[in-house]
N, C-alpha and C. Protein backbone atom coordinates (compact mmCIF):
# COMPACT_ATOMS: atom_id res chain seq x y z
N UNK A 1 20.40 -21.62 -43.55
CA UNK A 1 19.04 -21.37 -43.14
C UNK A 1 18.59 -22.39 -42.10
N UNK A 2 18.84 -23.65 -42.36
CA UNK A 2 18.41 -24.71 -41.45
C UNK A 2 19.05 -24.53 -40.08
N UNK A 3 20.35 -24.25 -40.02
CA UNK A 3 21.04 -24.09 -38.74
C UNK A 3 20.48 -22.90 -37.96
N UNK A 4 20.20 -21.81 -38.65
CA UNK A 4 19.64 -20.62 -37.99
C UNK A 4 18.26 -20.93 -37.43
N UNK A 5 17.44 -21.57 -38.21
CA UNK A 5 16.10 -21.91 -37.77
C UNK A 5 16.14 -22.88 -36.60
N UNK A 6 17.02 -23.89 -36.68
CA UNK A 6 17.13 -24.86 -35.60
C UNK A 6 17.52 -24.17 -34.29
N UNK A 7 18.48 -23.27 -34.36
CA UNK A 7 18.94 -22.54 -33.17
C UNK A 7 17.78 -21.75 -32.54
N UNK A 8 16.99 -21.12 -33.37
CA UNK A 8 15.86 -20.34 -32.85
C UNK A 8 14.78 -21.23 -32.25
N UNK A 9 14.53 -22.38 -32.88
CA UNK A 9 13.52 -23.31 -32.35
C UNK A 9 13.99 -23.87 -31.01
N UNK A 10 15.26 -24.25 -30.91
CA UNK A 10 15.80 -24.77 -29.65
C UNK A 10 15.69 -23.70 -28.55
N UNK A 11 15.97 -22.45 -28.89
CA UNK A 11 15.85 -21.37 -27.90
C UNK A 11 14.41 -21.23 -27.43
N UNK A 12 13.47 -21.37 -28.34
CA UNK A 12 12.05 -21.28 -27.96
C UNK A 12 11.65 -22.46 -27.08
N UNK A 13 12.18 -23.64 -27.36
CA UNK A 13 11.90 -24.80 -26.52
C UNK A 13 12.41 -24.55 -25.10
N UNK A 14 13.64 -24.06 -24.99
CA UNK A 14 14.22 -23.78 -23.68
C UNK A 14 13.39 -22.76 -22.92
N UNK A 15 12.94 -21.72 -23.60
CA UNK A 15 12.09 -20.70 -22.96
C UNK A 15 10.76 -21.29 -22.51
N UNK A 16 10.16 -22.13 -23.35
CA UNK A 16 8.89 -22.77 -22.98
C UNK A 16 9.07 -23.68 -21.77
N UNK A 17 10.17 -24.41 -21.72
CA UNK A 17 10.43 -25.29 -20.57
C UNK A 17 10.66 -24.48 -19.30
N UNK A 18 11.35 -23.34 -19.42
CA UNK A 18 11.57 -22.49 -18.26
C UNK A 18 10.24 -21.94 -17.75
N UNK A 19 9.40 -21.49 -18.67
CA UNK A 19 8.10 -20.95 -18.29
C UNK A 19 7.21 -22.04 -17.69
N UNK A 20 7.28 -23.25 -18.23
CA UNK A 20 6.50 -24.37 -17.69
C UNK A 20 6.92 -24.68 -16.26
N UNK A 21 8.23 -24.63 -15.99
CA UNK A 21 8.72 -24.88 -14.63
C UNK A 21 8.23 -23.79 -13.68
N UNK A 22 8.26 -22.54 -14.13
CA UNK A 22 7.75 -21.44 -13.30
C UNK A 22 6.26 -21.63 -13.02
N UNK A 23 5.50 -22.01 -14.02
CA UNK A 23 4.08 -22.22 -13.85
C UNK A 23 3.80 -23.39 -12.90
N UNK A 24 4.59 -24.45 -13.00
CA UNK A 24 4.43 -25.59 -12.10
C UNK A 24 4.71 -25.17 -10.65
N UNK A 25 5.74 -24.36 -10.45
CA UNK A 25 6.06 -23.88 -9.10
C UNK A 25 4.94 -22.99 -8.57
N UNK A 26 4.40 -22.13 -9.43
CA UNK A 26 3.30 -21.26 -9.03
C UNK A 26 2.07 -22.09 -8.68
N UNK A 27 1.77 -23.08 -9.50
CA UNK A 27 0.62 -23.96 -9.24
C UNK A 27 0.79 -24.68 -7.90
N UNK A 28 1.99 -25.16 -7.62
CA UNK A 28 2.25 -25.84 -6.35
C UNK A 28 2.04 -24.88 -5.18
N UNK A 29 2.47 -23.63 -5.32
CA UNK A 29 2.27 -22.67 -4.23
C UNK A 29 0.79 -22.38 -4.02
N UNK A 30 0.01 -22.36 -5.09
CA UNK A 30 -1.43 -22.17 -4.96
C UNK A 30 -2.07 -23.37 -4.26
N UNK A 31 -1.62 -24.58 -4.58
CA UNK A 31 -2.13 -25.77 -3.88
C UNK A 31 -1.82 -25.68 -2.39
N UNK A 32 -0.60 -25.26 -2.05
CA UNK A 32 -0.23 -25.12 -0.63
C UNK A 32 -1.10 -24.06 0.05
N UNK A 33 -1.39 -22.97 -0.65
CA UNK A 33 -2.24 -21.92 -0.07
C UNK A 33 -3.64 -22.44 0.21
N UNK A 34 -4.20 -23.21 -0.73
CA UNK A 34 -5.54 -23.78 -0.52
C UNK A 34 -5.53 -24.75 0.65
N UNK A 35 -4.51 -25.59 0.73
CA UNK A 35 -4.41 -26.53 1.85
C UNK A 35 -4.29 -25.77 3.17
N UNK A 36 -3.50 -24.71 3.17
CA UNK A 36 -3.35 -23.89 4.37
C UNK A 36 -4.69 -23.29 4.78
N UNK A 37 -5.41 -22.75 3.82
CA UNK A 37 -6.73 -22.19 4.12
C UNK A 37 -7.67 -23.27 4.66
N UNK A 38 -7.63 -24.46 4.08
CA UNK A 38 -8.50 -25.55 4.53
C UNK A 38 -8.18 -25.97 5.96
N UNK A 39 -6.92 -25.83 6.39
CA UNK A 39 -6.51 -26.21 7.73
C UNK A 39 -6.90 -25.18 8.79
N UNK A 40 -7.23 -23.97 8.39
CA UNK A 40 -7.55 -22.91 9.33
C UNK A 40 -9.00 -23.03 9.80
N UNK A 41 -9.24 -22.60 11.04
CA UNK A 41 -10.63 -22.61 11.51
C UNK A 41 -11.43 -21.52 10.80
N UNK A 42 -12.73 -21.77 10.67
CA UNK A 42 -13.61 -20.75 10.10
C UNK A 42 -13.76 -19.62 11.10
N UNK A 43 -13.88 -18.40 10.61
CA UNK A 43 -14.12 -17.27 11.50
C UNK A 43 -15.06 -16.30 10.81
N UNK A 44 -15.85 -15.64 11.63
CA UNK A 44 -16.83 -14.69 11.13
C UNK A 44 -16.20 -13.33 10.81
N UNK A 45 -15.19 -12.94 11.61
CA UNK A 45 -14.60 -11.61 11.49
C UNK A 45 -13.45 -11.61 10.51
N UNK A 46 -13.04 -10.39 10.11
CA UNK A 46 -11.88 -10.22 9.24
C UNK A 46 -10.62 -10.59 10.00
N UNK A 47 -9.57 -10.88 9.28
CA UNK A 47 -8.29 -11.22 9.89
C UNK A 47 -7.69 -9.99 10.57
N UNK A 48 -7.01 -10.22 11.70
CA UNK A 48 -6.29 -9.17 12.41
C UNK A 48 -4.88 -9.67 12.67
N UNK A 49 -4.01 -8.92 13.35
CA UNK A 49 -2.63 -9.37 13.56
C UNK A 49 -2.50 -10.72 14.28
N UNK A 50 -3.51 -11.11 15.04
CA UNK A 50 -3.48 -12.41 15.74
C UNK A 50 -4.12 -13.53 14.91
N UNK A 51 -4.48 -13.24 13.72
CA UNK A 51 -5.15 -14.21 12.85
C UNK A 51 -4.24 -15.41 12.58
N UNK A 52 -4.78 -16.60 12.65
CA UNK A 52 -4.00 -17.82 12.41
C UNK A 52 -3.45 -17.86 10.99
N UNK A 53 -4.15 -17.28 10.05
CA UNK A 53 -3.68 -17.27 8.67
C UNK A 53 -2.32 -16.59 8.55
N UNK A 54 -2.10 -15.54 9.34
CA UNK A 54 -0.86 -14.80 9.27
C UNK A 54 0.27 -15.46 10.04
N UNK A 55 -0.05 -16.32 11.00
CA UNK A 55 1.00 -16.86 11.87
C UNK A 55 1.35 -18.31 11.61
N UNK A 56 0.50 -19.06 10.98
CA UNK A 56 0.76 -20.48 10.75
C UNK A 56 1.39 -20.70 9.40
N UNK A 57 2.12 -21.81 9.28
CA UNK A 57 2.65 -22.23 7.99
C UNK A 57 1.96 -23.52 7.60
N UNK A 58 1.83 -23.77 6.32
CA UNK A 58 1.16 -25.01 5.88
C UNK A 58 1.86 -26.24 6.44
N UNK A 59 1.06 -27.17 6.91
CA UNK A 59 1.60 -28.37 7.53
C UNK A 59 1.85 -29.48 6.52
N UNK A 60 1.10 -29.48 5.42
CA UNK A 60 1.22 -30.56 4.45
C UNK A 60 1.97 -30.10 3.21
N UNK A 61 2.76 -30.99 2.61
CA UNK A 61 3.40 -30.63 1.34
C UNK A 61 2.38 -30.63 0.21
N UNK A 62 2.69 -29.96 -0.87
CA UNK A 62 1.80 -29.91 -2.02
C UNK A 62 1.70 -31.29 -2.66
N UNK A 63 0.59 -31.58 -3.35
CA UNK A 63 0.46 -32.87 -4.03
C UNK A 63 1.62 -33.08 -5.02
N UNK A 64 2.11 -34.29 -5.07
CA UNK A 64 3.18 -34.61 -5.99
C UNK A 64 4.54 -34.24 -5.48
N UNK A 65 4.66 -33.83 -4.24
CA UNK A 65 5.96 -33.44 -3.68
C UNK A 65 6.44 -34.45 -2.68
């Protein structure tokens, strides 16, 4: 019983760590998106194919990177 339970708990730990890593990567991408938006000029009109948002890439790395 103990060995079976331990194996299942370890599997759950591994899954939680994998999900935490995915969430951290997602959070970092959201930080980069906010920084990218902050770097763009304000505009009154909607974005079009020449919009800077569509053509520029973020210049700064995410915090903690």
